Amino acid sequence: MSNTQNKTIVLCEYLRLNHKGRQNAASSKTLEAAFNLNGKEIRKCVNILRCDGFPVCSDTVGYYFAATQDEVDATIAQLNSRITQISNAKNGLLNPVAKINQPIQVDIRIELSMG
């Protein structure tokens, strides 16, 4: 078992036992310190857990093991919003050449006071 797999399993159990429900969420900084990981590594572990079907949720307060279906649904809604934002950004880049060569009009107004 790899080091990432071990940390992922330990993180899951830690959240399940100590941070169940949104009201008990742990900030990323708290988890980073507890597991000697950086934010990117925490997000990777959380993603692995979610892909494996574990109800690890997150929002502005931090990460937590879901206590209710509503908590899972809120995290799914947050993920869907992020998917939409990323898709919109991708779609905006699909034809950047037309935008690069498109003239941009800028109006500049200068007011002078005589006085």
PDB file of N, CA and C in Angstrom:
ATOM      1  N   MET A   1       0.844  -1.173   0.000  1.00  0.00           N
ATOM      2  CA  MET A   1       0.000   0.000   0.000  1.00  0.00           C
ATOM      3  C   MET A   1       0.894   1.242   0.000  1.00  0.00           C
ATOM      4  N   SER A   2       0.564   2.221  -0.867  1.00  0.00           N
ATOM      5  CA  SER A   2       1.401   3.416  -0.979  1.00  0.00           C
ATOM      6  C   SER A   2       1.182   4.355   0.210  1.00  0.00           C
ATOM      7  N   ASN A   3       2.098   5.282   0.364  1.00  0.00           N
ATOM      8  CA  ASN A   3       2.020   6.268   1.431  1.00  0.00           C
ATOM      9  C   ASN A   3       0.742   7.113   1.290  1.00  0.00           C
ATOM     10  N   THR A   4       0.395   7.479   0.041  1.00  0.00           N
ATOM     11  CA  THR A   4      -0.832   8.250  -0.202  1.00  0.00           C
ATOM     12  C   THR A   4      -2.058   7.447   0.200  1.00  0.00           C
ATOM     13  N   GLN A   5      -2.089   6.173  -0.128  1.00  0.00           N
ATOM     14  CA  GLN A   5      -3.218   5.321   0.242  1.00  0.00           C
ATOM     15  C   GLN A   5      -3.344   5.231   1.760  1.00  0.00           C
ATOM     16  N   ASN A   6      -2.229   5.070   2.444  1.00  0.00           N
ATOM     17  CA  ASN A   6      -2.250   5.001   3.912  1.00  0.00           C
ATOM     18  C   ASN A   6      -2.799   6.287   4.511  1.00  0.00           C
ATOM     19  N   LYS A   7      -2.287   7.418   4.038  1.00  0.00           N
ATOM     20  CA  LYS A   7      -2.742   8.710   4.568  1.00  0.00           C
ATOM     21  C   LYS A   7      -4.210   8.940   4.260  1.00  0.00           C
ATOM     22  N   THR A   8      -4.648   8.491   3.096  1.00  0.00           N
ATOM     23  CA  THR A   8      -6.052   8.649   2.709  1.00  0.00           C
ATOM     24  C   THR A   8      -6.954   7.854   3.642  1.00  0.00           C
ATOM     25  N   ILE A   9      -6.591   6.625   3.937  1.00  0.00           N
ATOM     26  CA  ILE A   9      -7.385   5.781   4.837  1.00  0.00           C
ATOM     27  C   ILE A   9      -7.414   6.371   6.244  1.00  0.00           C
ATOM     28  N   VAL A  10      -6.272   6.821   6.715  1.00  0.00           N
ATOM     29  CA  VAL A  10      -6.189   7.407   8.057  1.00  0.00           C
ATOM     30  C   VAL A  10      -7.008   8.692   8.118  1.00  0.00           C
ATOM     31  N   LEU A  11      -6.927   9.525   7.075  1.00  0.00           N
ATOM     32  CA  LEU A  11      -7.717  10.754   7.031  1.00  0.00           C
ATOM     33  C   LEU A  11      -9.205  10.447   7.076  1.00  0.00           C
ATOM     34  N   CYS A  12      -9.640   9.463   6.325  1.00  0.00           N
ATOM     35  CA  CYS A  12     -11.054   9.078   6.303  1.00  0.00           C
ATOM     36  C   CYS A  12     -11.530   8.669   7.693  1.00  0.00           C
ATOM     37  N   GLU A  13     -10.769   7.829   8.345  1.00  0.00           N
ATOM     38  CA  GLU A  13     -11.149   7.361   9.680  1.00  0.00           C
ATOM     39  C   GLU A  13     -11.133   8.514  10.681  1.00  0.00           C
ATOM     40  N   TYR A  14     -10.165   9.390  10.558  1.00  0.00           N
ATOM     41  CA  TYR A  14     -10.067  10.558  11.436  1.00  0.00           C
ATOM     42  C   TYR A  14     -11.301  11.456  11.279  1.00  0.00           C
ATOM     43  N   LEU A  15     -11.690  11.723  10.036  1.00  0.00           N
ATOM     44  CA  LEU A  15     -12.878  12.549   9.804  1.00  0.00           C
ATOM     45  C   LEU A  15     -14.135  11.851  10.317  1.00  0.00           C
ATOM     46  N   ARG A  16     -14.238  10.548  10.060  1.00  0.00           N
ATOM     47  CA  ARG A  16     -15.429   9.795  10.495  1.00  0.00           C
ATOM     48  C   ARG A  16     -15.580   9.815  12.003  1.00  0.00           C
ATOM     49  N   LEU A  17     -14.481   9.685  12.715  1.00  0.00           N
ATOM     50  CA  LEU A  17     -14.537   9.615  14.177  1.00  0.00           C
ATOM     51  C   LEU A  17     -14.584  10.984  14.859  1.00  0.00           C
ATOM     52  N   ASN A  18     -13.928  11.983  14.269  1.00  0.00           N
ATOM     53  CA  ASN A  18     -13.757  13.265  14.961  1.00  0.00           C
ATOM     54  C   ASN A  18     -14.461  14.457  14.325  1.00  0.00           C
ATOM     55  N   HIS A  19     -14.846  14.315  13.068  1.00  0.00           N
ATOM     56  CA  HIS A  19     -15.424  15.464  12.367  1.00  0.00           C
ATOM     57  C   HIS A  19     -16.643  15.042  11.562  1.00  0.00           C
ATOM     58  N   LYS A  20     -17.592  14.423  12.238  1.00  0.00           N
ATOM     59  CA  LYS A  20     -18.813  13.985  11.582  1.00  0.00           C
ATOM     60  C   LYS A  20     -19.843  15.104  11.653  1.00  0.00           C
ATOM     61  N   GLY A  21     -20.330  15.505  10.507  1.00  0.00           N
ATOM     62  CA  GLY A  21     -21.313  16.574  10.430  1.00  0.00           C
ATOM     63  C   GLY A  21     -20.665  17.928  10.234  1.00  0.00           C
ATOM     64  N   ARG A  22     -21.371  18.796   9.527  1.00  0.00           N
ATOM     65  CA  ARG A  22     -20.836  20.122   9.191  1.00  0.00           C
ATOM     66  C   ARG A  22     -20.435  20.909  10.436  1.00  0.00           C
ATOM     67  N   GLN A  23     -21.204  20.774  11.508  1.00  0.00           N
ATOM     68  CA  GLN A  23     -20.922  21.533  12.730  1.00  0.00           C
ATOM     69  C   GLN A  23     -19.581  21.146  13.358  1.00  0.00           C
ATOM     70  N   ASN A  24     -19.009  20.022  12.923  1.00  0.00           N
ATOM     71  CA  ASN A  24     -17.717  19.553  13.447  1.00  0.00           C
ATOM     72  C   ASN A  24     -16.615  19.595  12.392  1.00  0.00           C
ATOM     73  N   ALA A  25     -16.802  20.397  11.371  1.00  0.00           N
ATOM     74  CA  ALA A  25     -15.839  20.449  10.268  1.00  0.00           C
ATOM     75  C   ALA A  25     -14.446  20.860  10.745  1.00  0.00           C
ATOM     76  N   ALA A  26     -13.450  20.337  10.054  1.00  0.00           N
ATOM     77  CA  ALA A  26     -12.049  20.671  10.332  1.00  0.00           C
ATOM     78  C   ALA A  26     -11.513  21.489   9.163  1.00  0.00           C
ATOM     79  N   SER A  27     -10.861  22.591   9.468  1.00  0.00           N
ATOM     80  CA  SER A  27     -10.282  23.414   8.402  1.00  0.00           C
ATOM     81  C   SER A  27      -9.152  22.654   7.722  1.00  0.00           C
ATOM     82  N   SER A  28      -8.841  23.077   6.509  1.00  0.00           N
ATOM     83  CA  SER A  28      -7.724  22.475   5.792  1.00  0.00           C
ATOM     84  C   SER A  28      -6.437  22.645   6.587  1.00  0.00           C
ATOM     85  N   LYS A  29      -6.238  23.814   7.184  1.00  0.00           N
ATOM     86  CA  LYS A  29      -5.023  24.066   7.974  1.00  0.00           C
ATOM     87  C   LYS A  29      -4.917  23.081   9.141  1.00  0.00           C
ATOM     88  N   THR A  30      -6.031  22.782   9.783  1.00  0.00           N
ATOM     89  CA  THR A  30      -6.034  21.824  10.889  1.00  0.00           C
ATOM     90  C   THR A  30      -5.603  20.442  10.396  1.00  0.00           C
ATOM     91  N   LEU A  31      -6.171  20.019   9.265  1.00  0.00           N
ATOM     92  CA  LEU A  31      -5.831  18.706   8.712  1.00  0.00           C
ATOM     93  C   LEU A  31      -4.387  18.668   8.208  1.00  0.00           C
ATOM     94  N   GLU A  32      -3.943  19.763   7.617  1.00  0.00           N
ATOM     95  CA  GLU A  32      -2.560  19.832   7.143  1.00  0.00           C
ATOM     96  C   GLU A  32      -1.592  19.631   8.303  1.00  0.00           C
ATOM     97  N   ALA A  33      -1.871  20.289   9.419  1.00  0.00           N
ATOM     98  CA  ALA A  33      -0.998  20.165  10.594  1.00  0.00           C
ATOM     99  C   ALA A  33      -1.083  18.765  11.200  1.00  0.00           C
ATOM    100  N   ALA A  34      -2.280  18.211  11.286  1.00  0.00           N
ATOM    101  CA  ALA A  34      -2.474  16.900  11.909  1.00  0.00           C
ATOM    102  C   ALA A  34      -1.824  15.775  11.109  1.00  0.00           C
ATOM    103  N   PHE A  35      -1.806  15.917   9.788  1.00  0.00           N
ATOM    104  CA  PHE A  35      -1.311  14.829   8.940  1.00  0.00           C
ATOM    105  C   PHE A  35      -0.003  15.165   8.223  1.00  0.00           C
ATOM    106  N   ASN A  36       0.545  16.324   8.513  1.00  0.00           N
ATOM    107  CA  ASN A  36       1.787  16.755   7.883  1.00  0.00           C
ATOM    108  C   ASN A  36       1.677  16.700   6.360  1.00  0.00           C
ATOM    109  N   LEU A  37       0.579  17.266   5.850  1.00  0.00           N
ATOM    110  CA  LEU A  37       0.318  17.334   4.420  1.00  0.00           C
ATOM    111  C   LEU A  37       0.084  18.795   4.050  1.00  0.00           C
ATOM    112  N   ASN A  38       0.220  19.107   2.764  1.00  0.00           N
ATOM    113  CA  ASN A  38      -0.150  20.448   2.319  1.00  0.00           C
ATOM    114  C   ASN A  38      -1.574  20.424   1.776  1.00  0.00           C
ATOM    115  N   GLY A  39      -2.110  21.584   1.453  1.00  0.00           N
ATOM    116  CA  GLY A  39      -3.494  21.679   0.989  1.00  0.00           C
ATOM    117  C   GLY A  39      -3.774  20.846  -0.238  1.00  0.00           C
ATOM    118  N   LYS A  40      -2.831  20.826  -1.175  1.00  0.00           N
ATOM    119  CA  LYS A  40      -2.998  20.037  -2.393  1.00  0.00           C
ATOM    120  C   LYS A  40      -3.114  18.551  -2.067  1.00  0.00           C
ATOM    121  N   GLU A  41      -2.300  18.082  -1.132  1.00  0.00           N
ATOM    122  CA  GLU A  41      -2.338  16.664  -0.745  1.00  0.00           C
ATOM    123  C   GLU A  41      -3.641  16.325  -0.029  1.00  0.00           C
ATOM    124  N   ILE A  42      -4.139  17.236   0.799  1.00  0.00           N
ATOM    125  CA  ILE A  42      -5.434  17.017   1.468  1.00  0.00           C
ATOM    126  C   ILE A  42      -6.526  16.899   0.409  1.00  0.00           C
ATOM    127  N   ARG A  43      -6.548  17.828  -0.548  1.00  0.00           N
ATOM    128  CA  ARG A  43      -7.562  17.787  -1.605  1.00  0.00           C
ATOM    129  C   ARG A  43      -7.470  16.486  -2.413  1.00  0.00           C
ATOM    130  N   LYS A  44      -6.253  16.020  -2.670  1.00  0.00           N
ATOM    131  CA  LYS A  44      -6.075  14.764  -3.411  1.00  0.00           C
ATOM    132  C   LYS A  44      -6.658  13.596  -2.623  1.00  0.00           C
ATOM    133  N   CYS A  45      -6.368  13.536  -1.324  1.00  0.00           N
ATOM    134  CA  CYS A  45      -6.913  12.462  -0.474  1.00  0.00           C
ATOM    135  C   CYS A  45      -8.436  12.520  -0.444  1.00  0.00           C
ATOM    136  N   VAL A  46      -8.974  13.724  -0.292  1.00  0.00           N
ATOM    137  CA  VAL A  46     -10.437  13.885  -0.253  1.00  0.00           C
ATOM    138  C   VAL A  46     -11.039  13.419  -1.576  1.00  0.00           C
ATOM    139  N   ASN A  47     -10.409  13.770  -2.680  1.00  0.00           N
ATOM    140  CA  ASN A  47     -10.913  13.349  -3.982  1.00  0.00           C
ATOM    141  C   ASN A  47     -10.903  11.827  -4.113  1.00  0.00           C
ATOM    142  N   ILE A  48      -9.837  11.187  -3.665  1.00  0.00           N
ATOM    143  CA  ILE A  48      -9.761   9.720  -3.704  1.00  0.00           C
ATOM    144  C   ILE A  48     -10.902   9.124  -2.888  1.00  0.00           C
ATOM    145  N   LEU A  49     -11.125   9.660  -1.699  1.00  0.00           N
ATOM    146  CA  LEU A  49     -12.196   9.138  -0.840  1.00  0.00           C
ATOM    147  C   LEU A  49     -13.560   9.296  -1.498  1.00  0.00           C
ATOM    148  N   ARG A  50     -13.800  10.458  -2.063  1.00  0.00           N
ATOM    149  CA  ARG A  50     -15.091  10.688  -2.737  1.00  0.00           C
ATOM    150  C   ARG A  50     -15.265   9.744  -3.910  1.00  0.00           C
ATOM    151  N   CYS A  51     -14.206   9.565  -4.701  1.00  0.00           N
ATOM    152  CA  CYS A  51     -14.280   8.645  -5.850  1.00  0.00           C
ATOM    153  C   CYS A  51     -14.555   7.214  -5.406  1.00  0.00           C
ATOM    154  N   ASP A  52     -14.101   6.869  -4.194  1.00  0.00           N
ATOM    155  CA  ASP A  52     -14.350   5.533  -3.642  1.00  0.00           C
ATOM    156  C   ASP A  52     -15.689   5.435  -2.914  1.00  0.00           C
ATOM    157  N   GLY A  53     -16.464   6.528  -2.917  1.00  0.00           N
ATOM    158  CA  GLY A  53     -17.810   6.491  -2.353  1.00  0.00           C
ATOM    159  C   GLY A  53     -17.934   6.907  -0.903  1.00  0.00           C
ATOM    160  N   PHE A  54     -16.865   7.425  -0.309  1.00  0.00           N
ATOM    161  CA  PHE A  54     -16.955   7.882   1.080  1.00  0.00           C
ATOM    162  C   PHE A  54     -17.548   9.289   1.113  1.00  0.00           C
ATOM    163  N   PRO A  55     -18.495   9.541   2.013  1.00  0.00           N
ATOM    164  CA  PRO A  55     -19.195  10.832   2.048  1.00  0.00           C
ATOM    165  C   PRO A  55     -18.392  11.932   2.758  1.00  0.00           C
ATOM    166  N   VAL A  56     -17.263  12.277   2.167  1.00  0.00           N
ATOM    167  CA  VAL A  56     -16.444  13.351   2.719  1.00  0.00           C
ATOM    168  C   VAL A  56     -16.906  14.649   2.063  1.00  0.00           C
ATOM    169  N   CYS A  57     -17.377  15.553   2.889  1.00  0.00           N
ATOM    170  CA  CYS A  57     -17.942  16.804   2.418  1.00  0.00           C
ATOM    171  C   CYS A  57     -17.016  17.965   2.740  1.00  0.00           C
ATOM    172  N   SER A  58     -17.300  19.101   2.118  1.00  0.00           N
ATOM    173  CA  SER A  58     -16.542  20.310   2.411  1.00  0.00           C
ATOM    174  C   SER A  58     -17.372  21.518   2.032  1.00  0.00           C
ATOM    175  N   ASP A  59     -17.047  22.610   2.674  1.00  0.00           N
ATOM    176  CA  ASP A  59     -17.601  23.916   2.333  1.00  0.00           C
ATOM    177  C   ASP A  59     -16.680  24.969   2.914  1.00  0.00           C
ATOM    178  N   THR A  60     -17.173  26.156   3.113  1.00  0.00           N
ATOM    179  CA  THR A  60     -16.305  27.245   3.571  1.00  0.00           C
ATOM    180  C   THR A  60     -15.749  27.019   4.968  1.00  0.00           C
ATOM    181  N   VAL A  61     -16.375  26.153   5.769  1.00  0.00           N
ATOM    182  CA  VAL A  61     -15.885  25.915   7.135  1.00  0.00           C
ATOM    183  C   VAL A  61     -14.823  24.823   7.194  1.00  0.00           C
ATOM    184  N   GLY A  62     -14.776  23.952   6.196  1.00  0.00           N
ATOM    185  CA  GLY A  62     -13.767  22.905   6.189  1.00  0.00           C
ATOM    186  C   GLY A  62     -14.285  21.580   5.672  1.00  0.00           C
ATOM    187  N   TYR A  63     -13.592  20.524   6.074  1.00  0.00           N
ATOM    188  CA  TYR A  63     -13.905  19.152   5.643  1.00  0.00           C
ATOM    189  C   TYR A  63     -14.574  18.400   6.787  1.00  0.00           C
ATOM    190  N   TYR A  64     -15.480  17.498   6.414  1.00  0.00           N
ATOM    191  CA  TYR A  64     -16.157  16.697   7.425  1.00  0.00           C
ATOM    192  C   TYR A  64     -16.750  15.447   6.787  1.00  0.00           C
ATOM    193  N   PHE A  65     -16.986  14.459   7.617  1.00  0.00           N
ATOM    194  CA  PHE A  65     -17.642  13.226   7.187  1.00  0.00           C
ATOM    195  C   PHE A  65     -19.144  13.482   7.306  1.00  0.00           C
ATOM    196  N   ALA A  66     -19.886  13.248   6.260  1.00  0.00           N
ATOM    197  CA  ALA A  66     -21.313  13.579   6.245  1.00  0.00           C
ATOM    198  C   ALA A  66     -22.083  12.850   7.342  1.00  0.00           C
ATOM    199  N   ALA A  67     -22.989  13.600   7.979  1.00  0.00           N
ATOM    200  CA  ALA A  67     -23.894  13.011   8.957  1.00  0.00           C
ATOM    201  C   ALA A  67     -25.291  12.843   8.366  1.00  0.00           C
ATOM    202  N   THR A  68     -25.586  13.606   7.301  1.00  0.00           N
ATOM    203  CA  THR A  68     -26.907  13.557   6.677  1.00  0.00           C
ATOM    204  C   THR A  68     -26.801  13.581   5.160  1.00  0.00           C
ATOM    205  N   GLN A  69     -27.877  13.177   4.519  1.00  0.00           N
ATOM    206  CA  GLN A  69     -27.924  13.249   3.050  1.00  0.00           C
ATOM    207  C   GLN A  69     -27.905  14.704   2.586  1.00  0.00           C
ATOM    208  N   ASP A  70     -28.490  15.617   3.359  1.00  0.00           N
ATOM    209  CA  ASP A  70     -28.475  17.036   2.998  1.00  0.00           C
ATOM    210  C   ASP A  70     -27.046  17.569   2.896  1.00  0.00           C
ATOM    211  N   GLU A  71     -26.164  17.097   3.772  1.00  0.00           N
ATOM    212  CA  GLU A  71     -24.763  17.530   3.716  1.00  0.00           C
ATOM    213  C   GLU A  71     -24.093  17.025   2.438  1.00  0.00           C
ATOM    214  N   VAL A  72     -24.386  15.801   2.066  1.00  0.00           N
ATOM    215  CA  VAL A  72     -23.852  15.239   0.821  1.00  0.00           C
ATOM    216  C   VAL A  72     -24.402  16.039  -0.366  1.00  0.00           C
ATOM    217  N   ASP A  73     -25.705  16.319  -0.338  1.00  0.00           N
ATOM    218  CA  ASP A  73     -26.327  17.059  -1.435  1.00  0.00           C
ATOM    219  C   ASP A  73     -25.728  18.460  -1.581  1.00  0.00           C
ATOM    220  N   ALA A  74     -25.425  19.120  -0.472  1.00  0.00           N
ATOM    221  CA  ALA A  74     -24.821  20.455  -0.520  1.00  0.00           C
ATOM    222  C   ALA A  74     -23.435  20.396  -1.151  1.00  0.00           C
ATOM    223  N   THR A  75     -22.668  19.366  -0.829  1.00  0.00           N
ATOM    224  CA  THR A  75     -21.339  19.220  -1.426  1.00  0.00           C
ATOM    225  C   THR A  75     -21.452  18.916  -2.913  1.00  0.00           C
ATOM    226  N   ILE A  76     -22.412  18.097  -3.289  1.00  0.00           N
ATOM    227  CA  ILE A  76     -22.636  17.799  -4.711  1.00  0.00           C
ATOM    228  C   ILE A  76     -23.000  19.079  -5.454  1.00  0.00           C
ATOM    229  N   ALA A  77     -23.848  19.917  -4.866  1.00  0.00           N
ATOM    230  CA  ALA A  77     -24.225  21.192  -5.501  1.00  0.00           C
ATOM    231  C   ALA A  77     -23.006  22.087  -5.678  1.00  0.00           C
ATOM    232  N   GLN A  78     -22.144  22.124  -4.671  1.00  0.00           N
ATOM    233  CA  GLN A  78     -20.914  22.921  -4.746  1.00  0.00           C
ATOM    234  C   GLN A  78     -20.012  22.399  -5.874  1.00  0.00           C
ATOM    235  N   LEU A  79     -19.869  21.087  -5.976  1.00  0.00           N
ATOM    236  CA  LEU A  79     -19.054  20.493  -7.032  1.00  0.00           C
ATOM    237  C   LEU A  79     -19.646  20.785  -8.408  1.00  0.00           C
ATOM    238  N   ASN A  80     -20.974  20.700  -8.532  1.00  0.00           N
ATOM    239  CA  ASN A  80     -21.624  21.003  -9.806  1.00  0.00           C
ATOM    240  C   ASN A  80     -21.384  22.447 -10.219  1.00  0.00           C
ATOM    241  N   SER A  81     -21.400  23.354  -9.265  1.00  0.00           N
ATOM    242  CA  SER A  81     -21.131  24.760  -9.557  1.00  0.00           C
ATOM    243  C   SER A  81     -19.704  24.942 -10.082  1.00  0.00           C
ATOM    244  N   ARG A  82     -18.764  24.258  -9.450  1.00  0.00           N
ATOM    245  CA  ARG A  82     -17.367  24.337  -9.894  1.00  0.00           C
ATOM    246  C   ARG A  82     -17.203  23.747 -11.293  1.00  0.00           C
ATOM    247  N   ILE A  83     -17.916  22.639 -11.560  1.00  0.00           N
ATOM    248  CA  ILE A  83     -17.875  22.025 -12.892  1.00  0.00           C
ATOM    249  C   ILE A  83     -18.372  23.022 -13.934  1.00  0.00           C
ATOM    250  N   THR A  84     -19.460  23.715 -13.647  1.00  0.00           N
ATOM    251  CA  THR A  84     -20.032  24.695 -14.568  1.00  0.00           C
ATOM    252  C   THR A  84     -19.057  25.837 -14.820  1.00  0.00           C
ATOM    253  N   GLN A  85     -18.428  26.350 -13.761  1.00  0.00           N
ATOM    254  CA  GLN A  85     -17.474  27.445 -13.917  1.00  0.00           C
ATOM    255  C   GLN A  85     -16.279  27.025 -14.770  1.00  0.00           C
ATOM    256  N   ILE A  86     -15.777  25.824 -14.541  1.00  0.00           N
ATOM    257  CA  ILE A  86     -14.639  25.330 -15.320  1.00  0.00           C
ATOM    258  C   ILE A  86     -15.045  25.106 -16.775  1.00  0.00           C
ATOM    259  N   SER A  87     -16.233  24.574 -16.995  1.00  0.00           N
ATOM    260  CA  SER A  87     -16.725  24.355 -18.350  1.00  0.00           C
ATOM    261  C   SER A  87     -16.897  25.678 -19.090  1.00  0.00           C
ATOM    262  N   ASN A  88     -17.412  26.691 -18.402  1.00  0.00           N
ATOM    263  CA  ASN A  88     -17.573  28.004 -19.029  1.00  0.00           C
ATOM    264  C   ASN A  88     -16.219  28.595 -19.412  1.00  0.00           C
ATOM    265  N   ALA A  89     -15.231  28.436 -18.545  1.00  0.00           N
ATOM    266  CA  ALA A  89     -13.885  28.934 -18.853  1.00  0.00           C
ATOM    267  C   ALA A  89     -13.309  28.197 -20.057  1.00  0.00           C
ATOM    268  N   LYS A  90     -13.469  26.887 -20.090  1.00  0.00           N
ATOM    269  CA  LYS A  90     -12.990  26.083 -21.227  1.00  0.00           C
ATOM    270  C   LYS A  90     -13.667  26.525 -22.508  1.00  0.00           C
ATOM    271  N   ASN A  91     -14.984  26.702 -22.464  1.00  0.00           N
ATOM    272  CA  ASN A  91     -15.729  27.105 -23.659  1.00  0.00           C
ATOM    273  C   ASN A  91     -15.289  28.480 -24.145  1.00  0.00           C
ATOM    274  N   GLY A  92     -14.946  29.367 -23.228  1.00  0.00           N
ATOM    275  CA  GLY A  92     -14.467  30.681 -23.610  1.00  0.00           C
ATOM    276  C   GLY A  92     -13.123  30.638 -24.309  1.00  0.00           C
ATOM    277  N   LEU A  93     -12.359  29.613 -24.057  1.00  0.00           N
ATOM    278  CA  LEU A  93     -11.039  29.475 -24.681  1.00  0.00           C
ATOM    279  C   LEU A  93     -11.044  28.681 -25.987  1.00  0.00           C
ATOM    280  N   LEU A  94     -12.179  28.128 -26.358  1.00  0.00           N
ATOM    281  CA  LEU A  94     -12.217  27.270 -27.546  1.00  0.00           C
ATOM    282  C   LEU A  94     -11.846  28.012 -28.825  1.00  0.00           C
ATOM    283  N   ASN A  95     -12.153  29.291 -28.926  1.00  0.00           N
ATOM    284  CA  ASN A  95     -11.812  30.043 -30.128  1.00  0.00           C
ATOM    285  C   ASN A  95     -11.136  31.356 -29.748  1.00  0.00           C
ATOM    286  N   PRO A  96      -9.973  31.272 -29.087  1.00  0.00           N
ATOM    287  CA  PRO A  96      -9.334  32.501 -28.626  1.00  0.00           C
ATOM    288  C   PRO A  96      -8.734  33.358 -29.743  1.00  0.00           C
ATOM    289  N   VAL A  97      -8.436  32.765 -30.903  1.00  0.00           N
ATOM    290  CA  VAL A  97      -7.795  33.521 -31.971  1.00  0.00           C
ATOM    291  C   VAL A  97      -8.700  34.656 -32.433  1.00  0.00           C
ATOM    292  N   ALA A  98      -9.971  34.398 -32.563  1.00  0.00           N
ATOM    293  CA  ALA A  98     -10.906  35.439 -32.983  1.00  0.00           C
ATOM    294  C   ALA A  98     -10.919  36.579 -31.977  1.00  0.00           C
ATOM    295  N   LYS A  99     -10.800  36.279 -30.714  1.00  0.00           N
ATOM    296  CA  LYS A  99     -10.784  37.302 -29.668  1.00  0.00           C
ATOM    297  C   LYS A  99      -9.462  38.065 -29.660  1.00  0.00           C
ATOM    298  N   ILE A 100      -8.362  37.358 -29.932  1.00  0.00           N
ATOM    299  CA  ILE A 100      -7.044  37.993 -29.912  1.00  0.00           C
ATOM    300  C   ILE A 100      -6.963  39.068 -30.987  1.00  0.00           C
ATOM    301  N   ASN A 101      -7.511  38.798 -32.160  1.00  0.00           N
ATOM    302  CA  ASN A 101      -7.413  39.729 -33.281  1.00  0.00           C
ATOM    303  C   ASN A 101      -8.588  40.692 -33.364  1.00  0.00           C
ATOM    304  N   GLN A 102      -9.497  40.617 -32.443  1.00  0.00           N
ATOM    305  CA  GLN A 102     -10.668  41.485 -32.447  1.00  0.00           C
ATOM    306  C   GLN A 102     -10.295  42.847 -31.855  1.00  0.00           C
ATOM    307  N   PRO A 103     -10.613  43.940 -32.570  1.00  0.00           N
ATOM    308  CA  PRO A 103     -10.278  45.253 -32.022  1.00  0.00           C
ATOM    309  C   PRO A 103     -11.123  45.566 -30.783  1.00  0.00           C
ATOM    310  N   ILE A 104     -10.512  46.285 -29.879  1.00  0.00           N
ATOM    311  CA  ILE A 104     -11.186  46.690 -28.655  1.00  0.00           C
ATOM    312  C   ILE A 104     -11.274  48.205 -28.662  1.00  0.00           C
ATOM    313  N   GLN A 105     -12.464  48.718 -28.411  1.00  0.00           N
ATOM    314  CA  GLN A 105     -12.654  50.169 -28.366  1.00  0.00           C
ATOM    315  C   GLN A 105     -12.600  50.636 -26.919  1.00  0.00           C
ATOM    316  N   VAL A 106     -11.802  51.656 -26.688  1.00  0.00           N
ATOM    317  CA  VAL A 106     -11.670  52.218 -25.356  1.00  0.00           C
ATOM    318  C   VAL A 106     -11.941  53.714 -25.451  1.00  0.00           C
ATOM    319  N   ASP A 107     -12.858  54.214 -24.657  1.00  0.00           N
ATOM    320  CA  ASP A 107     -13.139  55.642 -24.601  1.00  0.00           C
ATOM    321  C   ASP A 107     -12.470  56.215 -23.368  1.00  0.00           C
ATOM    322  N   ILE A 108     -11.718  57.276 -23.561  1.00  0.00           N
ATOM    323  CA  ILE A 108     -11.064  57.948 -22.440  1.00  0.00           C
ATOM    324  C   ILE A 108     -11.584  59.374 -22.397  1.00  0.00           C
ATOM    325  N   ARG A 109     -12.069  59.771 -21.252  1.00  0.00           N
ATOM    326  CA  ARG A 109     -12.577  61.135 -21.082  1.00  0.00           C
ATOM    327  C   ARG A 109     -11.709  61.837 -20.071  1.00  0.00           C
ATOM    328  N   ILE A 110     -11.278  63.029 -20.432  1.00  0.00           N
ATOM    329  CA  ILE A 110     -10.452  63.831 -19.543  1.00  0.00           C
ATOM    330  C   ILE A 110     -11.192  65.135 -19.296  1.00  0.00           C
ATOM    331  N   GLU A 111     -11.361  65.420 -18.033  1.00  0.00           N
ATOM    332  CA  GLU A 111     -11.996  66.680 -17.674  1.00  0.00           C
ATOM    333  C   GLU A 111     -10.937  67.599 -17.087  1.00  0.00           C
ATOM    334  N   LEU A 112     -10.851  68.774 -17.644  1.00  0.00           N
ATOM    335  CA  LEU A 112      -9.905  69.765 -17.185  1.00  0.00           C
ATOM    336  C   LEU A 112     -10.663  70.845 -16.432  1.00  0.00           C
ATOM    337  N   SER A 113     -10.165  71.200 -15.315  1.00  0.00           N
ATOM    338  CA  SER A 113     -10.798  72.309 -14.608  1.00  0.00           C
ATOM    339  C   SER A 113      -9.874  73.521 -14.725  1.00  0.00           C
ATOM    340  N   MET A 114     -10.450  74.595 -15.084  1.00  0.00           N
ATOM    341  CA  MET A 114      -9.699  75.835 -15.246  1.00  0.00           C
ATOM    342  C   MET A 114      -9.869  76.636 -13.977  1.00  0.00           C
ATOM    343  N   GLY A 115      -8.845  76.776 -13.290  1.00  0.00           N
ATOM    344  CA  GLY A 115      -9.138  77.491 -12.138  1.00  0.00           C
ATOM    345  C   GLY A 115      -8.292  78.082 -11.232  1.00  0.00           C
TER     346      GLY A 115
END
